[in-house]
Amino acid sequence: MDRVNDTKTALVTGANKGIGFAVAQGLGALGFTVAVGARDDARREEAVERLRAAGVDAFGVALDVTSDDSVAAAAATIEQRAGRLDVLVNNAGISGRTDGGAQDPTTLDLDVVRTVLDTNVFGVVRVTNAMLPLLRRADSPRIVNMSSNMGSLTLRTGPIMAAYAPSKSMLNSVTAQYARRFAETNVIVNAACPGYVATDFTGFNAPRTPEQGAAIAIRLATLPDDGPRGGFFDDEGVVPW
């Protein structure tokens, strides 16, 4: 699709707050038009206004990653607005309930596991596959999946969370499968670990800012064509997993 303004477009899911908002802001500062994906209409529009006030070309996209219909509609919106997609950052994620031993493996609530997987893993697959036709139209498409070193079988960091941590292990595995599938293409997909960031996710009780957490995602979203594929990275480099 020929456009007079050949600006690159990025979709960030869960972009209305925290790390997602910081990723949107960082990509916007690099000149990307940013599609702000979020479920909540009011919060999404507020985020778009904040980004625009900061000089970012942003627009809102209603997006519930657990809904096939919502994801399909979001893809249609982006096609209409931009004609293609250069970057997809799968940032939307949930930690899941922890009350009453819900994430203690010995008393694990399987409904909590299902809920967490539906957003953190199935949501990523749902969004990625819906956006692939638009990504394939880009010269250098990039997909970044926001993971966590809590999903590392080697490091085993953080509290025991037997729904959340395995969801990130599976996300890393799915990322590797996509990378293998895209090996002979120009689509580069990697997983990012933002570190322990002060957001509502962590009760704002963490040492890193959302901007620090967003930096690795921004770097992976703007990799050169010979950049790494199917890896898991944080600020320090490769994360063992």
Protein backbone atom coordinates (compact mmCIF):
# COMPACT_ATOMS: atom_id res chain seq x y z
CA MET A 1 0.00 0.00 0.00
CA ASP A 2 1.60 3.25 -1.08
CA ARG A 3 1.53 6.03 1.43
CA VAL A 4 2.84 9.54 1.15
CA ASN A 5 4.07 9.36 4.75
CA ASP A 6 6.11 6.18 5.08
CA THR A 7 6.22 6.18 8.87
CA LYS A 8 6.71 2.87 10.62
CA THR A 9 3.85 1.68 12.78
CA ALA A 10 4.10 -0.26 16.03
CA LEU A 11 1.34 -1.97 18.03
CA VAL A 12 1.95 -2.30 21.75
CA THR A 13 -0.58 -4.41 23.66
CA GLY A 14 -1.42 -3.41 27.23
CA ALA A 15 0.02 0.00 26.41
CA ASN A 16 -2.17 2.17 28.62
CA LYS A 17 0.15 1.96 31.66
CA GLY A 18 3.42 0.72 33.10
CA ILE A 19 6.01 -0.88 30.86
CA GLY A 20 3.64 -0.96 27.87
CA PHE A 21 3.14 2.79 28.03
CA ALA A 22 6.91 3.32 28.36
CA VAL A 23 7.50 1.10 25.29
CA ALA A 24 4.92 3.11 23.34
CA GLN A 25 6.56 6.36 24.42
CA GLY A 26 10.05 5.11 23.53
CA LEU A 27 9.06 3.87 20.08
CA GLY A 28 7.13 7.08 19.50
CA ALA A 29 10.23 9.11 20.35
CA LEU A 30 12.08 7.14 17.64
CA GLY A 31 9.48 8.25 15.09
CA PHE A 32 7.09 5.32 15.09
CA THR A 33 3.37 5.85 14.84
CA VAL A 34 2.12 3.92 17.86
CA ALA A 35 -1.09 1.95 18.06
CA VAL A 36 -2.02 1.84 21.74
CA GLY A 37 -3.70 -1.50 22.38
CA ALA A 38 -5.79 -1.66 25.56
CA ARG A 39 -9.10 -3.06 26.80
CA ASP A 40 -10.33 -0.12 28.86
CA ASP A 41 -11.68 2.67 26.62
CA ALA A 42 -11.10 5.53 29.07
CA ARG A 43 -7.59 4.47 30.05
CA ARG A 44 -6.66 3.87 26.41
CA GLU A 45 -7.79 7.33 25.33
CA GLU A 46 -6.02 8.91 28.30
CA ALA A 47 -2.80 7.13 27.29
CA VAL A 48 -3.17 8.31 23.69
CA GLU A 49 -3.65 11.90 24.89
CA ARG A 50 -0.55 11.66 27.12
CA LEU A 51 1.51 10.31 24.23
CA ARG A 52 0.28 12.99 21.86
CA ALA A 53 1.08 15.65 24.45
CA ALA A 54 4.63 14.26 24.45
CA GLY A 55 4.81 14.62 20.67
CA VAL A 56 4.11 11.01 19.76
CA ASP A 57 1.89 10.15 16.80
CA ALA A 58 -0.45 7.72 18.57
CA PHE A 59 -3.89 6.25 18.08
CA GLY A 60 -5.96 3.92 20.23
CA VAL A 61 -6.96 0.38 19.33
CA ALA A 62 -9.60 -1.46 21.36
CA LEU A 63 -7.91 -4.76 22.14
CA ASP A 64 -8.78 -7.61 24.47
CA VAL A 65 -6.12 -10.25 23.77
CA THR A 66 -8.41 -13.00 25.11
CA SER A 67 -11.06 -12.34 22.45
CA ASP A 68 -10.79 -13.56 18.85
CA ASP A 69 -13.34 -10.96 17.73
CA SER A 70 -11.55 -8.09 19.48
CA VAL A 71 -8.19 -9.11 18.01
CA ALA A 72 -9.62 -9.41 14.50
CA ALA A 73 -11.24 -5.98 14.82
CA ALA A 74 -7.93 -4.51 16.04
CA ALA A 75 -6.13 -5.90 12.98
CA ALA A 76 -8.77 -4.33 10.74
CA THR A 77 -8.35 -0.98 12.51
CA ILE A 78 -4.57 -1.01 12.03
CA GLU A 79 -4.91 -2.01 8.39
CA GLN A 80 -7.28 0.89 7.84
CA ARG A 81 -5.07 3.40 9.68
CA ALA A 82 -1.60 2.29 8.57
CA GLY A 83 -1.84 -0.37 5.86
CA ARG A 84 0.88 -2.47 7.49
CA LEU A 85 2.56 -3.17 10.81
CA ASP A 86 6.32 -2.90 11.36
CA VAL A 87 6.55 -3.82 15.04
CA LEU A 88 4.39 -5.86 17.39
CA VAL A 89 5.17 -5.75 21.10
CA ASN A 90 3.13 -8.37 22.95
CA ASN A 91 3.23 -6.68 26.34
CA ALA A 92 -0.22 -7.41 27.79
CA GLY A 93 0.10 -9.81 30.69
CA ILE A 94 -1.41 -10.70 34.03
CA SER A 95 0.01 -12.21 37.20
CA GLY A 96 -3.17 -14.02 38.23
CA ARG A 97 -4.76 -14.38 41.65
CA THR A 98 -2.51 -15.54 44.48
CA ASP A 99 -5.00 -15.59 47.39
CA GLY A 100 -5.76 -18.80 49.25
CA GLY A 101 -2.78 -20.64 47.83
CA ALA A 102 -4.06 -20.21 44.26
CA GLN A 103 -0.48 -20.27 42.88
CA ASP A 104 1.09 -22.62 45.42
CA PRO A 105 1.78 -25.75 43.34
CA THR A 106 0.40 -27.97 46.12
CA THR A 107 -2.96 -26.15 46.15
CA LEU A 108 -2.90 -24.81 42.60
CA ASP A 109 -6.17 -23.37 41.31
CA LEU A 110 -6.37 -24.64 37.73
CA ASP A 111 -8.88 -21.94 36.82
CA VAL A 112 -6.21 -19.38 37.71
CA VAL A 113 -3.73 -21.24 35.49
CA ARG A 114 -6.22 -21.18 32.60
CA THR A 115 -6.88 -17.47 33.07
CA VAL A 116 -3.18 -16.60 33.16
CA LEU A 117 -2.39 -18.76 30.11
CA ASP A 118 -5.29 -17.25 28.17
CA THR A 119 -3.69 -13.79 28.39
CA ASN A 120 0.04 -14.51 28.70
CA VAL A 121 0.35 -17.28 26.10
CA PHE A 122 -2.81 -17.79 24.06
CA GLY A 123 -3.26 -14.01 23.83
CA VAL A 124 0.21 -13.64 22.34
CA VAL A 125 -0.50 -16.33 19.74
CA ARG A 126 -3.93 -14.86 18.99
CA VAL A 127 -2.58 -11.34 18.44
CA THR A 128 0.58 -12.41 16.60
CA ASN A 129 -1.27 -14.57 14.08
CA ALA A 130 -3.93 -11.93 13.48
CA MET A 131 -1.25 -9.29 12.84
CA LEU A 132 1.01 -11.48 10.66
CA PRO A 133 -0.57 -10.45 7.33
CA LEU A 134 0.16 -6.80 8.24
CA LEU A 135 3.66 -7.58 9.54
CA ARG A 136 4.54 -9.42 6.32
CA ARG A 137 3.95 -6.17 4.41
CA ALA A 138 6.79 -4.48 6.34
CA ASP A 139 10.41 -4.43 5.18
CA SER A 140 11.84 -5.40 8.57
CA PRO A 141 9.05 -6.78 10.77
CA ARG A 142 9.86 -7.28 14.45
CA ILE A 143 7.91 -9.12 17.15
CA VAL A 144 8.83 -8.71 20.82
CA ASN A 145 7.21 -10.89 23.49
CA MET A 146 7.44 -9.49 27.00
CA SER A 147 8.50 -12.36 29.22
CA SER A 148 10.02 -12.60 32.70
CA ASN A 149 13.04 -14.29 34.20
CA MET A 150 10.56 -15.87 36.61
CA GLY A 151 9.90 -18.17 33.66
CA SER A 152 13.56 -19.26 33.58
CA LEU A 153 14.01 -22.90 34.60
CA THR A 154 17.66 -22.05 35.26
CA LEU A 155 17.28 -18.92 37.41
CA ARG A 156 14.01 -19.68 39.27
CA THR A 157 13.69 -16.09 40.47
CA GLY A 158 10.92 -14.39 42.39
CA PRO A 159 8.21 -15.84 44.60
CA ILE A 160 6.62 -19.23 43.93
CA MET A 161 3.87 -18.51 41.39
CA ALA A 162 2.88 -21.77 39.74
CA ALA A 163 0.54 -20.17 37.21
CA TYR A 164 2.47 -17.03 36.26
CA ALA A 165 6.02 -18.41 36.11
CA PRO A 166 5.16 -21.41 33.89
CA SER A 167 3.16 -19.08 31.60
CA LYS A 168 6.39 -17.21 30.90
CA SER A 169 8.31 -20.48 30.40
CA MET A 170 5.73 -21.44 27.80
CA LEU A 171 5.85 -17.98 26.22
CA ASN A 172 9.62 -18.37 25.77
CA SER A 173 9.08 -21.77 24.18
CA VAL A 174 6.40 -20.42 21.84
CA THR A 175 8.77 -17.56 20.92
CA ALA A 176 11.41 -20.12 19.93
CA GLN A 177 8.85 -21.97 17.79
CA TYR A 178 7.92 -18.76 15.96
CA ALA A 179 11.61 -17.98 15.42
CA ARG A 180 12.17 -21.41 13.86
CA ARG A 181 9.13 -20.96 11.64
CA PHE A 182 10.35 -17.51 10.52
CA ALA A 183 13.99 -18.59 10.10
CA GLU A 184 14.03 -18.05 6.33
CA THR A 185 11.96 -14.86 6.43
CA ASN A 186 12.52 -11.21 7.38
CA VAL A 187 10.32 -11.58 10.50
CA ILE A 188 12.48 -11.43 13.64
CA VAL A 189 10.94 -12.50 16.95
CA ASN A 190 12.51 -12.44 20.41
CA ALA A 191 11.49 -12.42 24.07
CA ALA A 192 12.40 -9.63 26.49
CA CYS A 193 12.78 -9.52 30.25
CA PRO A 194 12.15 -6.01 31.62
CA GLY A 195 13.48 -6.83 35.10
CA TYR A 196 11.76 -5.99 38.38
CA VAL A 197 9.95 -2.78 37.53
CA ALA A 198 7.90 -0.44 39.72
CA THR A 199 4.37 -0.72 38.27
CA ASP A 200 0.98 -1.59 39.71
CA PHE A 201 1.96 -5.19 38.78
CA THR A 202 4.60 -5.12 41.57
CA GLY A 203 2.75 -2.74 43.88
CA PHE A 204 5.25 -0.07 42.74
CA ASN A 205 7.71 -1.73 45.13
CA ALA A 206 10.60 -2.44 42.76
CA PRO A 207 13.94 -0.83 41.90
CA ARG A 208 13.52 -0.24 38.16
CA THR A 209 11.48 2.41 36.35
CA PRO A 210 9.07 1.50 33.53
CA GLU A 211 11.45 3.32 31.17
CA GLN A 212 14.33 1.07 32.24
CA GLY A 213 12.11 -1.98 31.80
CA ALA A 214 11.02 -0.82 28.35
CA ALA A 215 14.56 -0.31 27.03
CA ILE A 216 15.22 -3.94 26.08
CA ALA A 217 11.87 -4.21 24.26
CA ILE A 218 12.64 -1.06 22.28
CA ARG A 219 16.06 -2.44 21.39
CA LEU A 220 14.62 -5.75 20.17
CA ALA A 221 11.88 -3.90 18.27
CA THR A 222 14.50 -2.00 16.30
CA LEU A 223 17.05 -4.77 15.66
CA PRO A 224 18.99 -4.71 12.39
CA ASP A 225 18.16 -7.35 9.79
CA ASP A 226 21.05 -9.54 10.97
CA GLY A 227 19.96 -9.32 14.62
CA PRO A 228 19.42 -12.30 16.90
CA ARG A 229 16.33 -14.50 16.55
CA GLY A 230 14.40 -16.59 19.04
CA GLY A 231 16.40 -15.39 22.03
CA PHE A 232 15.54 -14.20 25.53
CA PHE A 233 17.26 -10.95 26.48
CA ASP A 234 17.46 -8.35 29.21
CA ASP A 235 19.64 -5.26 29.58
CA GLU A 236 22.68 -7.41 30.35
CA GLY A 237 22.28 -9.65 27.29
CA VAL A 238 21.09 -13.24 26.97
CA VAL A 239 18.99 -14.56 29.86
CA PRO A 240 19.59 -18.26 30.62
CA TRP A 241 16.30 -20.11 30.55
